[in-house]
């Protein structure tokens, strides 16, 4: 096909079939196929040409995905590289230099490089702008020297790169004195320690940064523009969590519905009513997430993603609670509390006890439900904002 062929569903099917003919999935290694798909512009079709896309409408991605799935083609795994796909990539696309986009987007999408998010700190979680990690410019070396601590960092133990926000000017108000960086997790001075969770796993980590030197070429956006860049990441994070594409009766509701059908002895009228209510809510949330994805402009989600993430957290907690109650004594058993450091982030894996415990974190990670309620109130409903007396004060005064 030629470069000026109109980007219609038929044209996208033809492009996809050309990819499959040139790289038959049965005879092509997984990584090689994913690289070829990226180079063909069929990775994320709404991205620009040369960066894994064709500048096409986002809706055409479904056409490509359906053709590839029908052919048994391999795909990347969002459970392993979700932070890269859902947070790092759209931020790099929005703020990165041409060299940064060329360097990072292909191995990120293919899954050759895992990413983590170095945002939250012991004293700056919900109030991210209060962060204390410092980055000081060494002008002679054109490098930033970073010192600080990050916490609740998913996949830091497997990550090659991290998206990092640090304070570069403590004399400015806290939202204005931050800068955004791409941090090599293999650099000297980066120490990753496991944080064992209520599930027994250490999916999360704390990361200590001691004299870590980051080249200025790995700065994303202008100096002092870190808050604006970070907001792009956070909005995409909430869409990637709350707007995940799942099939009908998929996600957390799937094992509950299966147990209901397969174990009639567990049924009661009251549990039936609760299951029906939550099944309907889960389906409404799924369809709303699909609608939201269709409305997204490339890399620029709105505050509606916060509402979807709120619904995701509440539903997961209520559904997993219903599953434990439905299973009775079986629901109190726990498969394995051995310390593990998983490579995949799996909200629905293992047994009912795991799902119940893991869901408790859904209302904290990706922005607490309280913060997201504020965002929905102020930016979706247009309600008056809460008073913020510290917003315009220099960070160095607030940190004392």
Protein backbone atom coordinates (compact mmCIF):
# COMPACT_ATOMS: atom_id res chain seq x y z
CA UNK A 1 0.00 0.00 0.00
CA UNK A 2 1.14 3.55 -0.64
CA UNK A 3 1.68 6.22 1.99
CA UNK A 4 -1.21 8.29 0.63
CA UNK A 5 -3.78 5.46 0.79
CA UNK A 6 -6.84 6.73 2.72
CA UNK A 7 -6.95 5.38 6.27
CA UNK A 8 -10.28 3.56 6.17
CA UNK A 9 -11.17 0.34 8.00
CA UNK A 10 -10.66 -1.57 4.75
CA UNK A 11 -7.23 -0.01 4.28
CA UNK A 12 -6.24 -0.86 7.84
CA UNK A 13 -7.29 -4.47 7.33
CA UNK A 14 -5.19 -4.57 4.18
CA UNK A 15 -2.16 -3.11 6.01
CA UNK A 16 -2.57 -5.66 8.76
CA UNK A 17 -2.78 -8.55 6.31
CA UNK A 18 0.38 -7.30 4.61
CA UNK A 19 2.13 -7.43 7.99
CA UNK A 20 0.86 -10.96 8.61
CA UNK A 21 1.95 -12.12 5.16
CA UNK A 22 5.45 -10.68 5.58
CA UNK A 23 5.81 -11.95 9.16
CA UNK A 24 3.66 -15.09 9.66
CA UNK A 25 3.02 -15.40 13.41
CA UNK A 26 3.68 -19.14 13.33
CA UNK A 27 7.16 -18.62 11.90
CA UNK A 28 8.14 -15.33 13.55
CA UNK A 29 9.39 -14.89 17.10
CA UNK A 30 7.23 -12.82 19.42
CA UNK A 31 9.68 -9.93 19.80
CA UNK A 32 10.46 -9.87 16.08
CA UNK A 33 6.75 -9.75 15.23
CA UNK A 34 6.07 -6.92 17.68
CA UNK A 35 8.97 -4.92 16.25
CA UNK A 36 7.63 -5.40 12.75
CA UNK A 37 4.15 -4.38 13.87
CA UNK A 38 5.53 -1.21 15.43
CA UNK A 39 7.50 -0.36 12.30
CA UNK A 40 4.38 -0.90 10.17
CA UNK A 41 2.52 1.74 12.20
CA UNK A 42 0.08 -0.78 13.66
CA UNK A 43 1.17 -0.64 17.30
CA UNK A 44 -0.94 2.37 18.31
CA UNK A 45 -2.39 3.67 15.06
CA UNK A 46 -3.22 7.15 16.41
CA UNK A 47 0.47 7.89 17.10
CA UNK A 48 2.46 9.69 14.37
CA UNK A 49 4.13 7.84 11.52
CA UNK A 50 7.55 6.53 12.48
CA UNK A 51 6.51 6.20 16.13
CA UNK A 52 4.42 3.07 15.88
CA UNK A 53 1.40 4.73 14.32
CA UNK A 54 -0.10 6.20 11.18
CA UNK A 55 -1.74 9.35 12.51
CA UNK A 56 -5.06 7.51 12.14
CA UNK A 57 -8.23 7.83 14.22
CA UNK A 58 -7.93 5.89 17.48
CA UNK A 59 -11.08 3.93 16.63
CA UNK A 60 -9.21 2.11 13.84
CA UNK A 61 -7.03 0.34 16.42
CA UNK A 62 -9.90 -2.07 17.05
CA UNK A 63 -9.86 -3.04 13.36
CA UNK A 64 -6.16 -3.86 13.51
CA UNK A 65 -6.45 -5.73 16.81
CA UNK A 66 -9.32 -7.88 15.53
CA UNK A 67 -7.35 -8.95 12.44
CA UNK A 68 -4.27 -9.79 14.50
CA UNK A 69 -6.23 -11.70 17.12
CA UNK A 70 -7.99 -13.76 14.45
CA UNK A 71 -4.60 -14.66 12.98
CA UNK A 72 -3.21 -15.73 16.36
CA UNK A 73 -0.58 -13.00 16.33
CA UNK A 74 1.30 -12.27 19.57
CA UNK A 75 0.60 -9.07 21.51
CA UNK A 76 2.41 -7.20 24.25
CA UNK A 77 1.35 -7.69 27.87
CA UNK A 78 -0.14 -4.63 29.63
CA UNK A 79 0.09 -6.45 32.96
CA UNK A 80 3.88 -6.31 32.64
CA UNK A 81 4.39 -3.02 30.82
CA UNK A 82 1.21 -1.14 31.73
CA UNK A 83 3.07 1.83 33.24
CA UNK A 84 5.09 2.25 30.07
CA UNK A 85 2.09 1.90 27.77
CA UNK A 86 -0.44 3.88 29.78
CA UNK A 87 1.70 6.57 31.41
CA UNK A 88 5.24 6.96 30.08
CA UNK A 89 4.42 6.69 26.37
CA UNK A 90 1.72 9.38 26.13
CA UNK A 91 3.83 11.73 28.25
CA UNK A 92 6.90 11.20 26.07
CA UNK A 93 4.72 11.74 23.00
CA UNK A 94 3.36 15.01 24.41
CA UNK A 95 6.60 16.50 25.81
CA UNK A 96 9.53 14.52 24.45
CA UNK A 97 12.08 15.66 21.91
CA UNK A 98 12.28 13.86 18.58
CA UNK A 99 15.36 12.01 19.83
CA UNK A 100 13.55 10.91 23.02
CA UNK A 101 10.55 9.64 21.07
CA UNK A 102 12.77 7.68 18.70
CA UNK A 103 14.84 6.24 21.55
CA UNK A 104 12.14 5.19 23.96
CA UNK A 105 8.80 4.46 22.30
CA UNK A 106 9.70 1.35 20.26
CA UNK A 107 11.36 -0.73 23.02
CA UNK A 108 8.65 0.46 25.42
CA UNK A 109 5.80 -0.78 23.23
CA UNK A 110 7.52 -4.02 22.26
CA UNK A 111 8.15 -4.75 25.94
CA UNK A 112 11.92 -4.84 25.73
CA UNK A 113 12.12 -2.15 28.43
CA UNK A 114 9.86 -2.07 31.49
CA UNK A 115 9.00 1.30 33.08
CA UNK A 116 8.10 2.35 36.61
CA UNK A 117 6.70 5.56 38.10
CA UNK A 118 8.88 7.48 40.57
CA UNK A 119 6.28 9.95 41.86
CA UNK A 120 4.98 9.23 45.39
CA UNK A 121 7.14 9.86 48.45
CA UNK A 122 6.69 9.16 52.17
CA UNK A 123 5.56 12.78 52.66
CA UNK A 124 4.04 13.38 49.24
CA UNK A 125 1.46 10.87 48.13
CA UNK A 126 -1.93 12.41 47.53
CA UNK A 127 -0.27 15.84 47.62
CA UNK A 128 2.35 15.00 45.01
CA UNK A 129 3.42 18.64 44.65
CA UNK A 130 4.84 18.49 48.19
CA UNK A 131 7.61 16.13 47.02
CA UNK A 132 11.09 16.65 48.46
CA UNK A 133 13.36 14.67 46.11
CA UNK A 134 15.94 17.21 44.86
CA UNK A 135 17.64 17.51 41.49
CA UNK A 136 20.57 19.93 41.20
CA UNK A 137 22.13 20.78 37.84
CA UNK A 138 25.84 20.13 37.35
CA UNK A 139 26.29 22.62 34.51
CA UNK A 140 29.81 21.49 33.62
CA UNK A 141 28.67 17.89 33.06
CA UNK A 142 25.19 18.81 31.77
CA UNK A 143 23.77 16.36 34.32
CA UNK A 144 21.28 16.55 37.16
CA UNK A 145 22.27 15.08 40.52
CA UNK A 146 19.23 13.56 42.23
CA UNK A 147 18.79 12.68 45.91
CA UNK A 148 15.61 11.50 47.58
CA UNK A 149 13.23 8.65 48.24
CA UNK A 150 10.22 7.35 46.32
CA UNK A 151 7.66 4.86 47.60
CA UNK A 152 4.84 2.56 46.41
CA UNK A 153 6.71 2.09 43.13
CA UNK A 154 5.14 -0.74 41.16
CA UNK A 155 7.55 -2.90 39.13
CA UNK A 156 10.67 -0.95 40.15
CA UNK A 157 12.43 -4.29 40.69
CA UNK A 158 11.98 -5.21 37.00
CA UNK A 159 12.10 -1.73 35.45
CA UNK A 160 14.79 -0.45 33.11
CA UNK A 161 13.50 3.13 33.18
CA UNK A 162 11.50 5.30 35.55
CA UNK A 163 9.48 8.47 35.05
CA UNK A 164 10.69 10.76 37.83
CA UNK A 165 9.54 14.11 39.19
CA UNK A 166 12.00 16.02 41.38
CA UNK A 167 12.23 19.49 42.90
CA UNK A 168 14.67 21.74 41.06
CA UNK A 169 13.85 25.13 42.65
CA UNK A 170 12.73 25.10 46.30
CA UNK A 171 12.37 28.90 46.26
CA UNK A 172 9.31 28.67 43.99
CA UNK A 173 5.79 27.63 45.03
CA UNK A 174 5.55 23.87 45.20
CA UNK A 175 3.70 23.41 41.89
CA UNK A 176 6.23 25.56 39.99
CA UNK A 177 9.60 24.28 41.18
CA UNK A 178 9.49 20.73 39.82
CA UNK A 179 11.05 19.12 36.75
CA UNK A 180 10.33 15.81 35.06
CA UNK A 181 13.06 13.28 34.16
CA UNK A 182 13.56 9.87 32.58
CA UNK A 183 15.67 7.93 35.07
CA UNK A 184 17.84 4.94 34.19
CA UNK A 185 17.06 2.42 36.95
CA UNK A 186 20.49 0.81 36.39
CA UNK A 187 22.36 4.02 37.24
CA UNK A 188 24.69 3.98 40.27
CA UNK A 189 22.88 5.33 43.32
CA UNK A 190 19.49 3.77 42.51
CA UNK A 191 18.50 1.28 45.23
CA UNK A 192 15.23 -0.67 45.06
CA UNK A 193 13.85 -2.31 48.21
CA UNK A 194 10.72 -4.51 48.31
CA UNK A 195 7.58 -3.41 50.16
CA UNK A 196 5.58 -6.42 51.27
CA UNK A 197 1.86 -5.88 50.86
CA UNK A 198 -1.19 -7.30 52.59
CA UNK A 199 -1.30 -9.98 49.86
CA UNK A 200 2.17 -11.22 50.84
CA UNK A 201 3.63 -10.07 47.54
CA UNK A 202 6.14 -7.28 47.06
CA UNK A 203 4.66 -5.86 43.88
CA UNK A 204 5.47 -2.40 45.25
CA UNK A 205 8.88 -1.05 46.21
CA UNK A 206 10.60 1.89 47.81
CA UNK A 207 13.38 3.48 45.79
CA UNK A 208 16.32 5.39 47.25
CA UNK A 209 18.15 7.84 44.99
CA UNK A 210 21.62 8.84 46.18
CA UNK A 211 23.69 11.06 43.95
CA UNK A 212 22.01 9.66 40.83
CA UNK A 213 23.27 11.51 37.76
CA UNK A 214 20.69 12.02 35.00
CA UNK A 215 21.83 13.61 31.71
CA UNK A 216 19.98 16.78 30.81
CA UNK A 217 19.04 15.02 27.56
CA UNK A 218 16.80 12.82 29.71
CA UNK A 219 14.82 15.78 31.02
CA UNK A 220 11.23 15.71 29.74
CA UNK A 221 9.80 19.18 29.19
CA UNK A 222 11.26 22.46 30.33
CA UNK A 223 12.92 23.06 33.69
CA UNK A 224 10.19 23.93 36.19
CA UNK A 225 7.47 22.46 33.97
CA UNK A 226 7.33 19.20 35.91
CA UNK A 227 3.85 19.67 37.35
CA UNK A 228 2.27 20.17 33.92
CA UNK A 229 4.12 17.14 32.54
CA UNK A 230 3.19 15.06 35.60
CA UNK A 231 -0.49 15.95 35.21
CA UNK A 232 -0.41 14.46 31.71
CA UNK A 233 0.98 11.26 33.23
CA UNK A 234 -1.58 11.20 36.03
CA UNK A 235 -4.56 11.73 33.74
CA UNK A 236 -3.35 8.92 31.50
CA UNK A 237 -2.74 6.72 34.55
CA UNK A 238 -6.35 7.04 35.66
CA UNK A 239 -7.63 6.23 32.20
CA UNK A 240 -5.30 3.22 31.93
CA UNK A 241 -6.53 1.87 35.28
CA UNK A 242 -10.22 2.78 35.11
CA UNK A 243 -10.63 2.47 31.34
CA UNK A 244 -9.05 -0.91 30.76
CA UNK A 245 -10.62 -2.85 27.89
CA UNK A 246 -12.27 -6.00 29.23
CA UNK A 247 -14.81 -8.38 27.65
CA UNK A 248 -18.43 -8.64 28.73
CA UNK A 249 -18.57 -10.27 32.17
CA UNK A 250 -14.80 -9.92 32.44
CA UNK A 251 -12.57 -8.59 35.16
CA UNK A 252 -13.48 -9.01 38.81
CA UNK A 253 -17.10 -9.99 38.16
CA UNK A 254 -16.05 -13.07 36.12
CA UNK A 255 -15.04 -15.46 38.95
CA UNK A 256 -18.05 -14.46 41.05
CA UNK A 257 -20.48 -15.15 38.20
CA UNK A 258 -18.70 -18.45 37.48
CA UNK A 259 -18.94 -19.54 41.12
CA UNK A 260 -22.63 -18.65 41.16
CA UNK A 261 -23.36 -20.78 38.11
CA UNK A 262 -21.19 -23.74 39.13
CA UNK A 263 -22.00 -23.86 42.86
CA UNK A 264 -25.82 -23.73 43.33
CA UNK A 265 -25.48 -24.83 46.96
CA UNK A 266 -23.92 -21.43 47.76
CA UNK A 267 -26.86 -19.40 46.52
CA UNK A 268 -29.18 -17.29 48.66
CA UNK A 269 -31.78 -14.76 47.63
CA UNK A 270 -29.90 -11.90 49.24
CA UNK A 271 -26.64 -12.82 47.53
CA UNK A 272 -28.50 -13.15 44.23
CA UNK A 273 -29.80 -9.59 44.51
CA UNK A 274 -26.34 -8.24 45.30
CA UNK A 275 -24.78 -10.17 42.42
CA UNK A 276 -27.35 -8.83 39.97
CA UNK A 277 -26.79 -5.26 41.11
CA UNK A 278 -23.00 -5.52 40.87
CA UNK A 279 -23.15 -7.36 37.51
CA UNK A 280 -25.20 -4.50 36.06
CA UNK A 281 -22.86 -1.88 37.55
CA UNK A 282 -19.82 -3.70 36.17
CA UNK A 283 -21.39 -3.81 32.71
CA UNK A 284 -22.30 -0.12 32.85
CA UNK A 285 -18.75 0.71 33.91
CA UNK A 286 -17.34 -1.42 31.07
CA UNK A 287 -19.49 0.32 28.45
CA UNK A 288 -18.72 3.74 29.91
CA UNK A 289 -15.00 2.97 29.73
CA UNK A 290 -15.40 1.97 26.08
CA UNK A 291 -17.19 5.24 25.35
CA UNK A 292 -14.47 7.19 27.13
CA UNK A 293 -11.75 5.50 25.07
CA UNK A 294 -13.55 6.41 21.87
CA UNK A 295 -13.72 10.07 22.93
CA UNK A 296 -10.05 10.38 23.81
CA UNK A 297 -7.84 12.60 21.71
CA UNK A 298 -4.38 11.08 21.31
CA UNK A 299 -2.48 11.50 24.56
CA UNK A 300 -4.84 14.08 26.01
CA UNK A 301 -7.42 12.46 28.33
CA UNK A 302 -9.75 14.65 30.32
CA UNK A 303 -10.79 14.55 33.98
CA UNK A 304 -13.48 11.97 33.17
CA UNK A 305 -10.82 9.31 33.62
CA UNK A 306 -10.83 10.11 37.33
CA UNK A 307 -14.49 9.14 37.49
CA UNK A 308 -13.79 5.83 35.79
CA UNK A 309 -10.94 5.07 38.16
CA UNK A 310 -13.26 5.81 41.11
CA UNK A 311 -15.83 3.36 39.76
CA UNK A 312 -13.13 0.74 39.13
CA UNK A 313 -11.89 0.90 42.74
CA UNK A 314 -15.32 0.80 44.36
CA UNK A 315 -16.61 -2.01 42.18
CA UNK A 316 -13.53 -4.17 42.64
CA UNK A 317 -13.79 -3.86 46.42
CA UNK A 318 -17.52 -4.59 46.53
CA UNK A 319 -17.34 -7.48 44.06
CA UNK A 320 -14.37 -9.13 45.78
CA UNK A 321 -16.18 -8.78 49.11
CA UNK A 322 -19.23 -10.48 47.64
CA UNK A 323 -17.08 -13.33 46.32
CA UNK A 324 -15.55 -14.00 49.74
CA UNK A 325 -19.01 -13.96 51.34
CA UNK A 326 -20.44 -16.23 48.64
CA UNK A 327 -17.71 -18.84 49.19
CA UNK A 328 -18.24 -18.88 52.94
CA UNK A 329 -15.51 -20.76 54.80
CA UNK A 330 -13.65 -21.34 51.53
CA UNK A 331 -13.41 -17.60 51.07
CA UNK A 332 -11.41 -17.32 54.28
CA UNK A 333 -8.65 -19.59 53.00
CA UNK A 334 -5.56 -18.00 51.47
CA UNK A 335 -3.49 -19.78 48.85
CA UNK A 336 0.02 -18.60 49.69
CA UNK A 337 1.45 -15.73 51.74
CA UNK A 338 5.05 -16.42 50.75
CA UNK A 339 7.01 -13.29 49.87
CA UNK A 340 7.12 -12.95 46.09
CA UNK A 341 8.23 -10.18 43.74
CA UNK A 342 5.93 -10.65 40.73
CA UNK A 343 6.73 -9.39 37.26
CA UNK A 344 3.07 -8.91 36.38
CA UNK A 345 0.47 -6.63 37.95
CA UNK A 346 -2.60 -8.85 38.18
CA UNK A 347 -5.68 -7.45 39.91
CA UNK A 348 -7.79 -10.58 39.40
CA UNK A 349 -5.29 -13.44 39.68
CA UNK A 350 -4.95 -16.29 42.14
CA UNK A 351 -7.79 -17.02 44.59
CA UNK A 352 -10.72 -15.14 46.12
CA UNK A 353 -8.69 -14.16 49.17
CA UNK A 354 -6.02 -12.59 46.98
CA UNK A 355 -8.58 -10.63 44.99
CA UNK A 356 -10.23 -9.36 48.18
CA UNK A 357 -6.94 -8.19 49.69
CA UNK A 358 -5.46 -6.78 46.46
CA UNK A 359 -8.61 -4.74 45.77
CA UNK A 360 -8.01 -2.75 48.95
CA UNK A 361 -5.17 -0.98 47.17
CA UNK A 362 -7.34 0.07 44.22
CA UNK A 363 -8.67 3.11 46.09
CA UNK A 364 -5.11 4.28 46.89
CA UNK A 365 -2.98 3.59 43.80
CA UNK A 366 -3.30 5.89 40.82
CA UNK A 367 -4.66 8.67 43.04
CA UNK A 368 -6.69 8.16 46.19
CA UNK A 369 -10.46 8.11 45.85
CA UNK A 370 -10.65 11.25 47.98
CA UNK A 371 -8.40 13.18 45.58
CA UNK A 372 -10.29 11.88 42.56
CA UNK A 373 -13.61 12.94 44.08
CA UNK A 374 -12.19 16.46 44.33
CA UNK A 375 -11.14 16.34 40.66
CA UNK A 376 -14.58 15.17 39.56
CA UNK A 377 -16.29 17.80 41.71
CA UNK A 378 -14.15 20.69 40.51
CA UNK A 379 -13.27 19.80 36.92
CA UNK A 380 -16.28 17.76 35.80
CA UNK A 381 -19.15 19.21 37.85
CA UNK A 382 -17.70 22.73 38.09
CA UNK A 383 -18.11 23.03 41.87
CA UNK A 384 -16.06 25.62 43.79
CA UNK A 385 -12.54 24.38 44.63
CA UNK A 386 -11.46 23.71 48.19
CA UNK A 387 -9.30 26.43 49.81
CA UNK A 388 -5.58 25.79 49.29
CA UNK A 389 -3.62 28.16 51.47
CA UNK A 390 -0.26 26.63 50.57
CA UNK A 391 -0.61 26.83 46.79
CA UNK A 392 1.38 30.00 46.17
CA UNK A 393 3.86 29.85 49.05
CA UNK A 394 7.54 28.97 48.40
CA UNK A 395 8.16 25.26 48.95
CA UNK A 396 11.18 25.95 51.17
CA UNK A 397 8.90 27.71 53.67
CA UNK A 398 6.33 24.92 53.64
CA UNK A 399 8.95 22.21 54.16
CA UNK A 400 10.21 23.55 57.49
